[in-house]
Amino acid sequence: MTSAAPDHPRPRSPLHLFVAFTVLALQGFGGVLAVAQRELVDRRRWMTREEFVDAYSVAQLLPGPNVVNLSLMLGDRFFGWRGAFAAISGMLFAPLVLVIALAASYNELASFPAVAGALRGMGAVAAGLILAMALKMLGTLRRNALGPWLCALLGVTTLVAVTVFRAPLAWVVLGLGATGWCVARWCIAREEGARQ
């Protein structure tokens, strides 16, 4: 990931990163990705949409939670290893404390129908947040080397492979990721050849 453009705001210190990622993590019930896109791109403007999509693509390929990987990359981008440590600490500390507290009290709370209904409702909201973020990020595909139609074809193929054929996610990422990379290289080479 390249360093931030000079006209983009940047965090003031590793402590600022820690606080920002703590706030981000505490907003992410059911998934932090949509919140991360809103916070990092729209609100704080530490990244452009294109930078977010590029960084998230790399984070998706790495082992571990995507947003944790993204926080590490962004922290490193601004303050090196100190920023990476601050960002991942902010991303994990408060949720870890909350999860431990909830896990300790889950057996007592699980018997209440209101708690079970709230958890089901949160699942629907999380799915809606992910869908909203995906629709918001569609605009970045216009400038992608593959173009919007090939990107859409890869996206639909991924969706069908995972939901209809229940293909393991690792194989889908490796297979379609490699296919997308090869097709993108071919499109870029063809475009460069047309310019010459």
N, C-alpha and C. Protein backbone atom coordinates (compact mmCIF):
# COMPACT_ATOMS: atom_id res chain seq x y z
N MET A 1 0.85 -1.16 0.00
CA MET A 1 0.00 0.00 0.00
C MET A 1 0.90 1.23 0.00
N THR A 2 0.63 2.13 -0.86
CA THR A 2 1.45 3.34 -0.96
C THR A 2 1.13 4.28 0.18
N SER A 3 2.05 5.23 0.44
CA SER A 3 1.80 6.18 1.52
C SER A 3 0.71 7.15 1.09
N ALA A 4 0.09 7.76 2.08
CA ALA A 4 -1.06 8.63 1.81
C ALA A 4 -0.63 9.85 1.00
N ALA A 5 -1.51 10.27 0.13
CA ALA A 5 -1.25 11.48 -0.65
C ALA A 5 -1.17 12.67 0.30
N PRO A 6 -0.35 13.69 -0.05
CA PRO A 6 -0.17 14.81 0.86
C PRO A 6 -1.46 15.58 1.16
N ASP A 7 -2.45 15.55 0.26
CA ASP A 7 -3.67 16.30 0.49
C ASP A 7 -4.67 15.53 1.36
N HIS A 8 -4.34 14.30 1.73
CA HIS A 8 -5.20 13.50 2.60
C HIS A 8 -4.83 13.74 4.06
N PRO A 9 -5.82 13.84 4.93
CA PRO A 9 -5.50 13.91 6.35
C PRO A 9 -4.82 12.62 6.79
N ARG A 10 -4.10 12.69 7.89
CA ARG A 10 -3.47 11.50 8.42
C ARG A 10 -3.58 11.52 9.94
N PRO A 11 -3.50 10.37 10.58
CA PRO A 11 -3.57 10.37 12.04
C PRO A 11 -2.41 11.14 12.64
N ARG A 12 -2.66 11.78 13.78
CA ARG A 12 -1.63 12.62 14.41
C ARG A 12 -0.55 11.79 15.10
N SER A 13 -0.90 10.61 15.60
CA SER A 13 0.04 9.82 16.38
C SER A 13 -0.46 8.37 16.44
N PRO A 14 0.39 7.45 16.90
CA PRO A 14 -0.10 6.08 17.11
C PRO A 14 -1.27 6.02 18.10
N LEU A 15 -1.28 6.90 19.10
CA LEU A 15 -2.40 6.93 20.03
C LEU A 15 -3.70 7.32 19.32
N HIS A 16 -3.61 8.25 18.37
CA HIS A 16 -4.78 8.64 17.57
C HIS A 16 -5.28 7.43 16.77
N LEU A 17 -4.37 6.64 16.22
CA LEU A 17 -4.75 5.41 15.51
C LEU A 17 -5.44 4.44 16.46
N PHE A 18 -4.86 4.26 17.66
CA PHE A 18 -5.44 3.34 18.64
C PHE A 18 -6.88 3.74 18.96
N VAL A 19 -7.10 5.02 19.24
CA VAL A 19 -8.44 5.50 19.59
C VAL A 19 -9.39 5.33 18.40
N ALA A 20 -8.92 5.67 17.20
CA ALA A 20 -9.78 5.56 16.01
C ALA A 20 -10.19 4.11 15.76
N PHE A 21 -9.27 3.17 15.89
CA PHE A 21 -9.61 1.76 15.65
C PHE A 21 -10.42 1.17 16.80
N THR A 22 -10.25 1.69 18.01
CA THR A 22 -11.11 1.25 19.12
C THR A 22 -12.55 1.69 18.86
N VAL A 23 -12.73 2.95 18.47
CA VAL A 23 -14.07 3.45 18.15
C VAL A 23 -14.66 2.66 16.99
N LEU A 24 -13.85 2.40 15.98
CA LEU A 24 -14.30 1.63 14.81
C LEU A 24 -14.73 0.23 15.24
N ALA A 25 -13.93 -0.43 16.06
CA ALA A 25 -14.24 -1.81 16.48
C ALA A 25 -15.51 -1.86 17.31
N LEU A 26 -15.75 -0.84 18.14
CA LEU A 26 -16.93 -0.84 18.99
C LEU A 26 -18.21 -0.54 18.21
N GLN A 27 -18.10 -0.06 16.99
CA GLN A 27 -19.27 0.19 16.15
C GLN A 27 -19.63 -1.03 15.31
N GLY A 28 -18.75 -2.00 15.23
CA GLY A 28 -18.89 -3.08 14.26
C GLY A 28 -19.61 -4.30 14.75
N PHE A 29 -20.84 -4.16 15.23
CA PHE A 29 -21.61 -5.34 15.63
C PHE A 29 -22.00 -6.11 14.38
N GLY A 30 -21.60 -7.38 14.32
CA GLY A 30 -21.93 -8.23 13.19
C GLY A 30 -20.97 -8.08 12.03
N GLY A 31 -20.00 -7.23 12.12
CA GLY A 31 -19.02 -7.06 11.06
C GLY A 31 -18.52 -5.63 11.01
N VAL A 32 -17.23 -5.48 10.91
CA VAL A 32 -16.60 -4.17 10.98
C VAL A 32 -16.32 -3.60 9.59
N LEU A 33 -16.41 -4.40 8.57
CA LEU A 33 -15.99 -3.98 7.24
C LEU A 33 -16.72 -2.73 6.74
N ALA A 34 -18.04 -2.74 6.84
CA ALA A 34 -18.81 -1.58 6.36
C ALA A 34 -18.48 -0.34 7.19
N VAL A 35 -18.32 -0.53 8.49
CA VAL A 35 -17.98 0.58 9.37
C VAL A 35 -16.57 1.09 9.04
N ALA A 36 -15.64 0.16 8.77
CA ALA A 36 -14.27 0.55 8.43
C ALA A 36 -14.25 1.39 7.16
N GLN A 37 -15.00 0.99 6.17
CA GLN A 37 -15.05 1.76 4.93
C GLN A 37 -15.59 3.16 5.18
N ARG A 38 -16.66 3.26 5.97
CA ARG A 38 -17.24 4.57 6.27
C ARG A 38 -16.28 5.44 7.08
N GLU A 39 -15.66 4.85 8.10
CA GLU A 39 -14.77 5.61 8.98
C GLU A 39 -13.49 6.03 8.27
N LEU A 40 -12.82 5.10 7.59
CA LEU A 40 -11.50 5.36 7.02
C LEU A 40 -11.55 6.15 5.72
N VAL A 41 -12.62 5.94 4.94
CA VAL A 41 -12.72 6.61 3.63
C VAL A 41 -13.58 7.87 3.69
N ASP A 42 -14.80 7.72 4.18
CA ASP A 42 -15.75 8.83 4.13
C ASP A 42 -15.54 9.84 5.26
N ARG A 43 -15.37 9.35 6.47
CA ARG A 43 -15.32 10.27 7.61
C ARG A 43 -13.92 10.83 7.86
N ARG A 44 -12.93 9.96 8.04
CA ARG A 44 -11.58 10.43 8.37
C ARG A 44 -10.76 10.78 7.12
N ARG A 45 -11.13 10.20 5.98
CA ARG A 45 -10.45 10.42 4.69
C ARG A 45 -8.96 10.07 4.74
N TRP A 46 -8.62 9.03 5.49
CA TRP A 46 -7.25 8.56 5.53
C TRP A 46 -6.91 7.75 4.28
N MET A 47 -7.93 7.32 3.54
CA MET A 47 -7.76 6.53 2.32
C MET A 47 -8.81 6.97 1.31
N THR A 48 -8.49 6.78 0.04
CA THR A 48 -9.51 6.95 -1.00
C THR A 48 -10.26 5.64 -1.13
N ARG A 49 -11.37 5.65 -1.85
CA ARG A 49 -12.12 4.39 -2.07
C ARG A 49 -11.25 3.37 -2.80
N GLU A 50 -10.48 3.85 -3.78
CA GLU A 50 -9.62 2.94 -4.53
C GLU A 50 -8.56 2.32 -3.63
N GLU A 51 -7.94 3.14 -2.78
CA GLU A 51 -6.94 2.62 -1.84
C GLU A 51 -7.57 1.61 -0.89
N PHE A 52 -8.79 1.89 -0.45
CA PHE A 52 -9.47 0.97 0.45
C PHE A 52 -9.72 -0.37 -0.24
N VAL A 53 -10.21 -0.33 -1.47
CA VAL A 53 -10.48 -1.57 -2.21
C VAL A 53 -9.18 -2.35 -2.43
N ASP A 54 -8.11 -1.66 -2.81
CA ASP A 54 -6.82 -2.33 -3.01
C ASP A 54 -6.31 -2.96 -1.72
N ALA A 55 -6.34 -2.18 -0.62
CA ALA A 55 -5.86 -2.69 0.67
C ALA A 55 -6.73 -3.83 1.16
N TYR A 56 -8.04 -3.70 0.99
CA TYR A 56 -8.94 -4.77 1.44
C TYR A 56 -8.73 -6.04 0.62
N SER A 57 -8.43 -5.89 -0.67
CA SER A 57 -8.16 -7.07 -1.50
C SER A 57 -6.95 -7.84 -0.98
N VAL A 58 -5.90 -7.11 -0.61
CA VAL A 58 -4.72 -7.77 -0.04
C VAL A 58 -5.07 -8.38 1.31
N ALA A 59 -5.80 -7.64 2.15
CA ALA A 59 -6.18 -8.14 3.47
C ALA A 59 -7.02 -9.41 3.38
N GLN A 60 -7.82 -9.50 2.33
CA GLN A 60 -8.68 -10.67 2.12
C GLN A 60 -7.85 -11.91 1.81
N LEU A 61 -6.74 -11.73 1.13
CA LEU A 61 -5.92 -12.87 0.74
C LEU A 61 -5.03 -13.38 1.87
N LEU A 62 -4.75 -12.53 2.86
CA LEU A 62 -3.90 -12.92 3.98
C LEU A 62 -4.70 -13.75 4.98
N PRO A 63 -4.03 -14.64 5.71
CA PRO A 63 -4.76 -15.39 6.72
C PRO A 63 -5.17 -14.49 7.89
N GLY A 64 -6.28 -14.81 8.50
CA GLY A 64 -6.76 -14.02 9.63
C GLY A 64 -7.92 -13.13 9.23
N PRO A 65 -8.50 -12.44 10.22
CA PRO A 65 -9.64 -11.55 9.93
C PRO A 65 -9.23 -10.40 9.01
N ASN A 66 -10.06 -10.14 8.01
CA ASN A 66 -9.75 -9.14 6.99
C ASN A 66 -9.51 -7.76 7.57
N VAL A 67 -10.37 -7.31 8.48
CA VAL A 67 -10.27 -5.96 8.98
C VAL A 67 -9.07 -5.82 9.93
N VAL A 68 -8.71 -6.89 10.61
CA VAL A 68 -7.50 -6.86 11.43
C VAL A 68 -6.28 -6.70 10.53
N ASN A 69 -6.24 -7.44 9.43
CA ASN A 69 -5.15 -7.29 8.46
C ASN A 69 -5.11 -5.87 7.90
N LEU A 70 -6.28 -5.34 7.60
CA LEU A 70 -6.37 -3.96 7.09
C LEU A 70 -5.85 -2.97 8.11
N SER A 71 -6.18 -3.16 9.39
CA SER A 71 -5.70 -2.24 10.43
C SER A 71 -4.19 -2.30 10.54
N LEU A 72 -3.63 -3.50 10.44
CA LEU A 72 -2.16 -3.64 10.47
C LEU A 72 -1.51 -2.88 9.32
N MET A 73 -2.06 -3.04 8.12
CA MET A 73 -1.47 -2.38 6.95
C MET A 73 -1.59 -0.86 7.07
N LEU A 74 -2.74 -0.38 7.52
CA LEU A 74 -2.92 1.07 7.63
C LEU A 74 -2.04 1.65 8.73
N GLY A 75 -1.95 0.97 9.86
CA GLY A 75 -1.07 1.44 10.93
C GLY A 75 0.37 1.50 10.49
N ASP A 76 0.82 0.47 9.78
CA ASP A 76 2.19 0.44 9.26
C ASP A 76 2.41 1.54 8.24
N ARG A 77 1.41 1.83 7.47
CA ARG A 77 1.51 2.86 6.44
C ARG A 77 1.86 4.23 7.04
N PHE A 78 1.27 4.53 8.19
CA PHE A 78 1.47 5.85 8.78
C PHE A 78 2.62 5.93 9.78
N PHE A 79 2.81 4.89 10.61
CA PHE A 79 3.79 4.97 11.68
C PHE A 79 4.66 3.72 11.82
N GLY A 80 4.75 2.91 10.78
CA GLY A 80 5.59 1.72 10.85
C GLY A 80 5.06 0.72 11.87
N TRP A 81 5.97 0.00 12.52
CA TRP A 81 5.55 -1.06 13.45
C TRP A 81 4.79 -0.49 14.64
N ARG A 82 5.10 0.74 15.07
CA ARG A 82 4.37 1.34 16.20
C ARG A 82 2.90 1.59 15.81
N GLY A 83 2.70 2.06 14.58
CA GLY A 83 1.34 2.28 14.09
C GLY A 83 0.58 0.97 13.91
N ALA A 84 1.27 -0.04 13.39
CA ALA A 84 0.64 -1.35 13.22
C ALA A 84 0.20 -1.90 14.57
N PHE A 85 1.07 -1.79 15.57
CA PHE A 85 0.74 -2.29 16.92
C PHE A 85 -0.42 -1.49 17.51
N ALA A 86 -0.40 -0.16 17.35
CA ALA A 86 -1.48 0.68 17.89
C ALA A 86 -2.80 0.36 17.22
N ALA A 87 -2.80 0.20 15.89
CA ALA A 87 -4.04 -0.06 15.16
C ALA A 87 -4.63 -1.42 15.53
N ILE A 88 -3.79 -2.45 15.58
CA ILE A 88 -4.32 -3.78 15.90
C ILE A 88 -4.75 -3.85 17.37
N SER A 89 -4.05 -3.13 18.24
CA SER A 89 -4.46 -3.10 19.65
C SER A 89 -5.82 -2.43 19.80
N GLY A 90 -6.02 -1.33 19.09
CA GLY A 90 -7.31 -0.66 19.12
C GLY A 90 -8.41 -1.53 18.54
N MET A 91 -8.07 -2.29 17.52
CA MET A 91 -9.05 -3.15 16.86
C MET A 91 -9.48 -4.32 17.74
N LEU A 92 -8.59 -4.79 18.60
CA LEU A 92 -8.86 -6.02 19.34
C LEU A 92 -9.14 -5.85 20.83
N PHE A 93 -8.60 -4.82 21.48
CA PHE A 93 -8.65 -4.76 22.94
C PHE A 93 -10.09 -4.65 23.48
N ALA A 94 -10.81 -3.61 23.11
CA ALA A 94 -12.17 -3.42 23.64
C ALA A 94 -13.11 -4.56 23.25
N PRO A 95 -13.11 -5.03 21.99
CA PRO A 95 -13.97 -6.17 21.66
C PRO A 95 -13.61 -7.43 22.44
N LEU A 96 -12.32 -7.63 22.71
CA LEU A 96 -11.91 -8.80 23.49
C LEU A 96 -12.50 -8.74 24.90
N VAL A 97 -12.42 -7.57 25.52
CA VAL A 97 -12.99 -7.41 26.87
C VAL A 97 -14.50 -7.66 26.83
N LEU A 98 -15.19 -7.10 25.83
CA LEU A 98 -16.64 -7.29 25.72
C LEU A 98 -17.01 -8.75 25.48
N VAL A 99 -16.27 -9.42 24.61
CA VAL A 99 -16.58 -10.82 24.30
C VAL A 99 -16.36 -11.70 25.52
N ILE A 100 -15.31 -11.45 26.27
CA ILE A 100 -15.07 -12.24 27.48
C ILE A 100 -16.21 -12.01 28.47
N ALA A 101 -16.64 -10.77 28.64
CA ALA A 101 -17.74 -10.47 29.56
C ALA A 101 -19.04 -11.12 29.08
N LEU A 102 -19.33 -11.05 27.79
CA LEU A 102 -20.56 -11.65 27.27
C LEU A 102 -20.51 -13.18 27.33
N ALA A 103 -19.35 -13.75 27.04
CA ALA A 103 -19.22 -15.21 27.11
C ALA A 103 -19.44 -15.70 28.53
N ALA A 104 -18.94 -14.94 29.49
CA ALA A 104 -19.12 -15.33 30.89
C ALA A 104 -20.59 -15.29 31.30
N SER A 105 -21.37 -14.38 30.70
CA SER A 105 -22.78 -14.25 31.09
C SER A 105 -23.74 -14.88 30.09
N TYR A 106 -23.24 -15.52 29.03
CA TYR A 106 -24.11 -16.03 27.96
C TYR A 106 -25.10 -17.08 28.46
N ASN A 107 -24.66 -18.00 29.30
CA ASN A 107 -25.56 -19.05 29.78
C ASN A 107 -26.76 -18.47 30.52
N GLU A 108 -26.54 -17.38 31.23
CA GLU A 108 -27.64 -16.73 31.96
C GLU A 108 -28.57 -16.00 30.99
N LEU A 109 -28.00 -15.35 29.96
CA LEU A 109 -28.79 -14.51 29.06
C LEU A 109 -29.47 -15.29 27.94
N ALA A 110 -28.90 -16.44 27.54
CA ALA A 110 -29.41 -17.17 26.38
C ALA A 110 -30.83 -17.67 26.57
N SER A 111 -31.29 -17.83 27.79
CA SER A 111 -32.63 -18.35 28.02
C SER A 111 -33.72 -17.30 27.78
N PHE A 112 -33.36 -16.04 27.66
CA PHE A 112 -34.35 -14.98 27.42
C PHE A 112 -34.67 -14.89 25.94
N PRO A 113 -35.96 -14.99 25.55
CA PRO A 113 -36.33 -14.89 24.14
C PRO A 113 -35.92 -13.55 23.50
N ALA A 114 -35.94 -12.49 24.29
CA ALA A 114 -35.56 -11.17 23.74
C ALA A 114 -34.11 -11.16 23.30
N VAL A 115 -33.24 -11.86 24.02
CA VAL A 115 -31.82 -11.92 23.66
C VAL A 115 -31.65 -12.70 22.35
N ALA A 116 -32.33 -13.85 22.23
CA ALA A 116 -32.25 -14.64 21.00
C ALA A 116 -32.76 -13.84 19.81
N GLY A 117 -33.88 -13.11 19.99
CA GLY A 117 -34.42 -12.29 18.91
C GLY A 117 -33.49 -11.16 18.52
N ALA A 118 -32.84 -10.55 19.52
CA ALA A 118 -31.89 -9.47 19.24
C ALA A 118 -30.72 -9.97 18.43
N LEU A 119 -30.22 -11.16 18.75
CA LEU A 119 -29.09 -11.73 17.99
C LEU A 119 -29.49 -12.01 16.54
N ARG A 120 -30.70 -12.53 16.32
CA ARG A 120 -31.16 -12.76 14.94
C ARG A 120 -31.29 -11.43 14.19
N GLY A 121 -31.79 -10.42 14.86
CA GLY A 121 -31.92 -9.09 14.24
C GLY A 121 -30.57 -8.50 13.87
N MET A 122 -29.58 -8.70 14.73
CA MET A 122 -28.23 -8.19 14.43
C MET A 122 -27.64 -8.87 13.21
N GLY A 123 -27.96 -10.14 13.02
CA GLY A 123 -27.47 -10.86 11.83
C GLY A 123 -28.03 -10.24 10.55
N ALA A 124 -29.30 -9.87 10.56
CA ALA A 124 -29.91 -9.24 9.38
C ALA A 124 -29.28 -7.87 9.12
N VAL A 125 -29.04 -7.13 10.19
CA VAL A 125 -28.41 -5.81 10.04
C VAL A 125 -27.01 -5.95 9.48
N ALA A 126 -26.25 -6.94 9.96
CA ALA A 126 -24.89 -7.16 9.47
C ALA A 126 -24.90 -7.47 7.98
N ALA A 127 -25.83 -8.31 7.54
CA ALA A 127 -25.93 -8.63 6.11
C ALA A 127 -26.27 -7.38 5.30
N GLY A 128 -27.16 -6.54 5.83
CA GLY A 128 -27.50 -5.30 5.14
C GLY A 128 -26.32 -4.34 5.05
N LEU A 129 -25.53 -4.25 6.11
CA LEU A 129 -24.34 -3.39 6.09
C LEU A 129 -23.34 -3.84 5.03
N ILE A 130 -23.14 -5.15 4.93
CA ILE A 130 -22.19 -5.67 3.94
C ILE A 130 -22.70 -5.39 2.52
N LEU A 131 -23.99 -5.59 2.30
CA LEU A 131 -24.57 -5.32 0.98
C LEU A 131 -24.47 -3.84 0.63
N ALA A 132 -24.75 -2.97 1.60
CA ALA A 132 -24.66 -1.53 1.35
C ALA A 132 -23.24 -1.12 1.01
N MET A 133 -22.26 -1.68 1.73
CA MET A 133 -20.87 -1.34 1.44
C MET A 133 -20.46 -1.84 0.05
N ALA A 134 -20.92 -3.03 -0.31
CA ALA A 134 -20.59 -3.57 -1.64
C ALA A 134 -21.15 -2.66 -2.74
N LEU A 135 -22.38 -2.22 -2.58
CA LEU A 135 -22.98 -1.33 -3.58
C LEU A 135 -22.24 0.01 -3.65
N LYS A 136 -21.80 0.50 -2.50
CA LYS A 136 -21.08 1.77 -2.46
C LYS A 136 -19.72 1.66 -3.16
N MET A 137 -19.10 0.50 -3.06
CA MET A 137 -17.77 0.32 -3.64
C MET A 137 -17.82 -0.05 -5.12
N LEU A 138 -19.00 -0.30 -5.67
CA LEU A 138 -19.10 -0.67 -7.09
C LEU A 138 -18.52 0.40 -8.01
N GLY A 139 -18.61 1.65 -7.61
CA GLY A 139 -18.10 2.74 -8.45
C GLY A 139 -16.61 2.64 -8.72
N THR A 140 -15.87 2.04 -7.80
CA THR A 140 -14.42 1.92 -8.01
C THR A 140 -14.08 0.94 -9.13
N LEU A 141 -15.01 0.07 -9.48
CA LEU A 141 -14.73 -0.93 -10.52
C LEU A 141 -14.69 -0.32 -11.92
N ARG A 142 -15.27 0.87 -12.08
CA ARG A 142 -15.24 1.51 -13.41
C ARG A 142 -13.81 1.77 -13.87
N ARG A 143 -12.93 2.08 -12.92
CA ARG A 143 -11.54 2.39 -13.26
C ARG A 143 -10.63 1.17 -13.15
N ASN A 144 -11.20 0.02 -12.85
CA ASN A 144 -10.41 -1.20 -12.72
C ASN A 144 -9.94 -1.65 -14.10
N ALA A 145 -8.76 -2.27 -14.14
CA ALA A 145 -8.20 -2.72 -15.43
C ALA A 145 -9.11 -3.73 -16.13
N LEU A 146 -9.88 -4.50 -15.35
CA LEU A 146 -10.77 -5.49 -15.96
C LEU A 146 -12.02 -4.87 -16.56
N GLY A 147 -12.37 -3.68 -16.10
CA GLY A 147 -13.61 -3.07 -16.55
C GLY A 147 -14.78 -3.61 -15.75
N PRO A 148 -15.90 -2.91 -15.77
CA PRO A 148 -17.03 -3.30 -14.91
C PRO A 148 -17.64 -4.65 -15.25
N TRP A 149 -17.65 -5.03 -16.54
CA TRP A 149 -18.32 -6.28 -16.91
C TRP A 149 -17.53 -7.51 -16.47
N LEU A 150 -16.22 -7.49 -16.66
CA LEU A 150 -15.42 -8.63 -16.21
C LEU A 150 -15.39 -8.70 -14.68
N CYS A 151 -15.35 -7.55 -14.02
CA CYS A 151 -15.42 -7.52 -12.55
C CYS A 151 -16.74 -8.12 -12.08
N ALA A 152 -17.84 -7.73 -12.72
CA ALA A 152 -19.15 -8.26 -12.36
C ALA A 152 -19.22 -9.77 -12.60
N LEU A 153 -18.64 -10.23 -13.71
CA LEU A 153 -18.62 -11.66 -14.01
C LEU A 153 -17.86 -12.44 -12.93
N LEU A 154 -16.69 -11.92 -12.53
CA LEU A 154 -15.93 -12.57 -11.46
C LEU A 154 -16.70 -12.54 -10.14
N GLY A 155 -17.34 -11.42 -9.84
CA GLY A 155 -18.12 -11.32 -8.61
C GLY A 155 -19.29 -12.29 -8.58
N VAL A 156 -20.04 -12.38 -9.67
CA VAL A 156 -21.18 -13.30 -9.74
C VAL A 156 -20.69 -14.74 -9.69
N THR A 157 -19.59 -15.04 -10.38
CA THR A 157 -19.03 -16.40 -10.34
C THR A 157 -18.63 -16.77 -8.92
N THR A 158 -18.03 -15.83 -8.19
CA THR A 158 -17.66 -16.07 -6.80
C THR A 158 -18.90 -16.34 -5.95
N LEU A 159 -19.92 -15.51 -6.13
CA LEU A 159 -21.16 -15.66 -5.38
C LEU A 159 -21.80 -17.03 -5.63
N VAL A 160 -21.86 -17.43 -6.89
CA VAL A 160 -22.46 -18.72 -7.25
C VAL A 160 -21.62 -19.87 -6.70
N ALA A 161 -20.30 -19.77 -6.81
CA ALA A 161 -19.43 -20.85 -6.32
C ALA A 161 -19.61 -21.06 -4.82
N VAL A 162 -19.73 -19.96 -4.08
CA VAL A 162 -19.82 -20.08 -2.62
C VAL A 162 -21.23 -20.45 -2.17
N THR A 163 -22.25 -19.80 -2.75
CA THR A 163 -23.62 -20.02 -2.25
C THR A 163 -24.32 -21.22 -2.87
N VAL A 164 -24.18 -21.42 -4.18
CA VAL A 164 -24.89 -22.50 -4.84
C VAL A 164 -24.10 -23.81 -4.75
N PHE A 165 -22.82 -23.77 -5.11
CA PHE A 165 -22.02 -24.99 -5.13
C PHE A 165 -21.32 -25.27 -3.81
N ARG A 166 -21.40 -24.33 -2.88
CA ARG A 166 -20.79 -24.47 -1.55
C ARG A 166 -19.31 -24.84 -1.62
N ALA A 167 -18.62 -24.21 -2.57
CA ALA A 167 -17.18 -24.43 -2.71
C ALA A 167 -16.46 -23.84 -1.51
N PRO A 168 -15.39 -24.50 -1.04
CA PRO A 168 -14.63 -23.94 0.09
C PRO A 168 -14.05 -22.57 -0.28
N LEU A 169 -14.16 -21.64 0.64
CA LEU A 169 -13.75 -20.26 0.39
C LEU A 169 -12.28 -20.18 -0.03
N ALA A 170 -11.43 -20.98 0.59
CA ALA A 170 -10.00 -20.94 0.25
C ALA A 170 -9.79 -21.29 -1.23
N TRP A 171 -10.50 -22.29 -1.72
CA TRP A 171 -10.34 -22.68 -3.12
C TRP A 171 -10.92 -21.63 -4.06
N VAL A 172 -12.01 -21.01 -3.65
CA VAL A 172 -12.61 -19.96 -4.47
C VAL A 172 -11.65 -18.77 -4.57
N VAL A 173 -11.08 -18.37 -3.43
CA VAL A 173 -10.15 -17.23 -3.43
C VAL A 173 -8.92 -17.56 -4.27
N LEU A 174 -8.37 -18.76 -4.10
CA LEU A 174 -7.18 -19.13 -4.88
C LEU A 174 -7.51 -19.26 -6.37
N GLY A 175 -8.58 -19.98 -6.69
CA GLY A 175 -8.91 -20.22 -8.10
C GLY A 175 -9.37 -18.98 -8.83
N LEU A 176 -10.38 -18.31 -8.30
CA LEU A 176 -10.89 -17.12 -8.98
C LEU A 176 -9.94 -15.93 -8.81
N GLY A 177 -9.22 -15.89 -7.68
CA GLY A 177 -8.22 -14.84 -7.51
C GLY A 177 -7.12 -14.95 -8.55
N ALA A 178 -6.63 -16.17 -8.77
CA ALA A 178 -5.60 -16.39 -9.79
C ALA A 178 -6.15 -16.10 -11.19
N THR A 179 -7.39 -16.50 -11.43
CA THR A 179 -8.02 -16.20 -12.72
C THR A 179 -8.14 -14.70 -12.93
N GLY A 180 -8.62 -13.99 -11.91
CA GLY A 180 -8.74 -12.54 -12.00
C GLY A 180 -7.40 -11.87 -12.24
N TRP A 181 -6.36 -12.36 -11.55
CA TRP A 181 -5.02 -11.80 -11.72
C TRP A 181 -4.53 -12.01 -13.15
N CYS A 182 -4.70 -13.22 -13.68
CA CYS A 182 -4.25 -13.52 -15.05
C CYS A 182 -5.01 -12.67 -16.08
N VAL A 183 -6.31 -12.56 -15.92
CA VAL A 183 -7.11 -11.77 -16.86
C VAL A 183 -6.73 -10.29 -16.75
N ALA A 184 -6.50 -9.80 -15.52
CA ALA A 184 -6.08 -8.40 -15.34
C ALA A 184 -4.74 -8.14 -16.01
N ARG A 185 -3.79 -9.05 -15.86
CA ARG A 185 -2.47 -8.91 -16.51
C ARG A 185 -2.64 -8.87 -18.02
N TRP A 186 -3.51 -9.72 -18.55
CA TRP A 186 -3.75 -9.75 -19.99
C TRP A 186 -4.38 -8.44 -20.45
N CYS A 187 -5.36 -7.92 -19.70
CA CYS A 187 -6.01 -6.65 -20.06
C CYS A 187 -5.02 -5.49 -20.02
N ILE A 188 -4.15 -5.47 -19.00
CA ILE A 188 -3.16 -4.41 -18.88
C ILE A 188 -2.16 -4.49 -20.03
N ALA A 189 -1.70 -5.70 -20.36
CA ALA A 189 -0.74 -5.87 -21.47
C ALA A 189 -1.37 -5.46 -22.79
N ARG A 190 -2.65 -5.82 -22.98
CA ARG A 190 -3.34 -5.45 -24.21
C ARG A 190 -3.50 -3.93 -24.32
N GLU A 191 -3.82 -3.28 -23.18
CA GLU A 191 -3.97 -1.83 -23.15
C GLU A 191 -2.63 -1.14 -23.43
N GLU A 192 -1.56 -1.65 -22.85
CA GLU A 192 -0.23 -1.08 -23.09
C GLU A 192 0.20 -1.28 -24.53
N GLY A 193 -0.14 -2.44 -25.10
CA GLY A 193 0.18 -2.71 -26.49
C GLY A 193 -0.56 -1.78 -27.44
N ALA A 194 -1.80 -1.44 -27.09
CA ALA A 194 -2.59 -0.53 -27.93
C ALA A 194 -2.05 0.88 -27.90
N ARG A 195 -1.41 1.27 -26.77
CA ARG A 195 -0.84 2.62 -26.66
C ARG A 195 0.42 2.78 -27.49
N GLN A 196 1.12 1.69 -27.73
CA GLN A 196 2.41 1.78 -28.44
C GLN A 196 2.26 1.78 -29.93
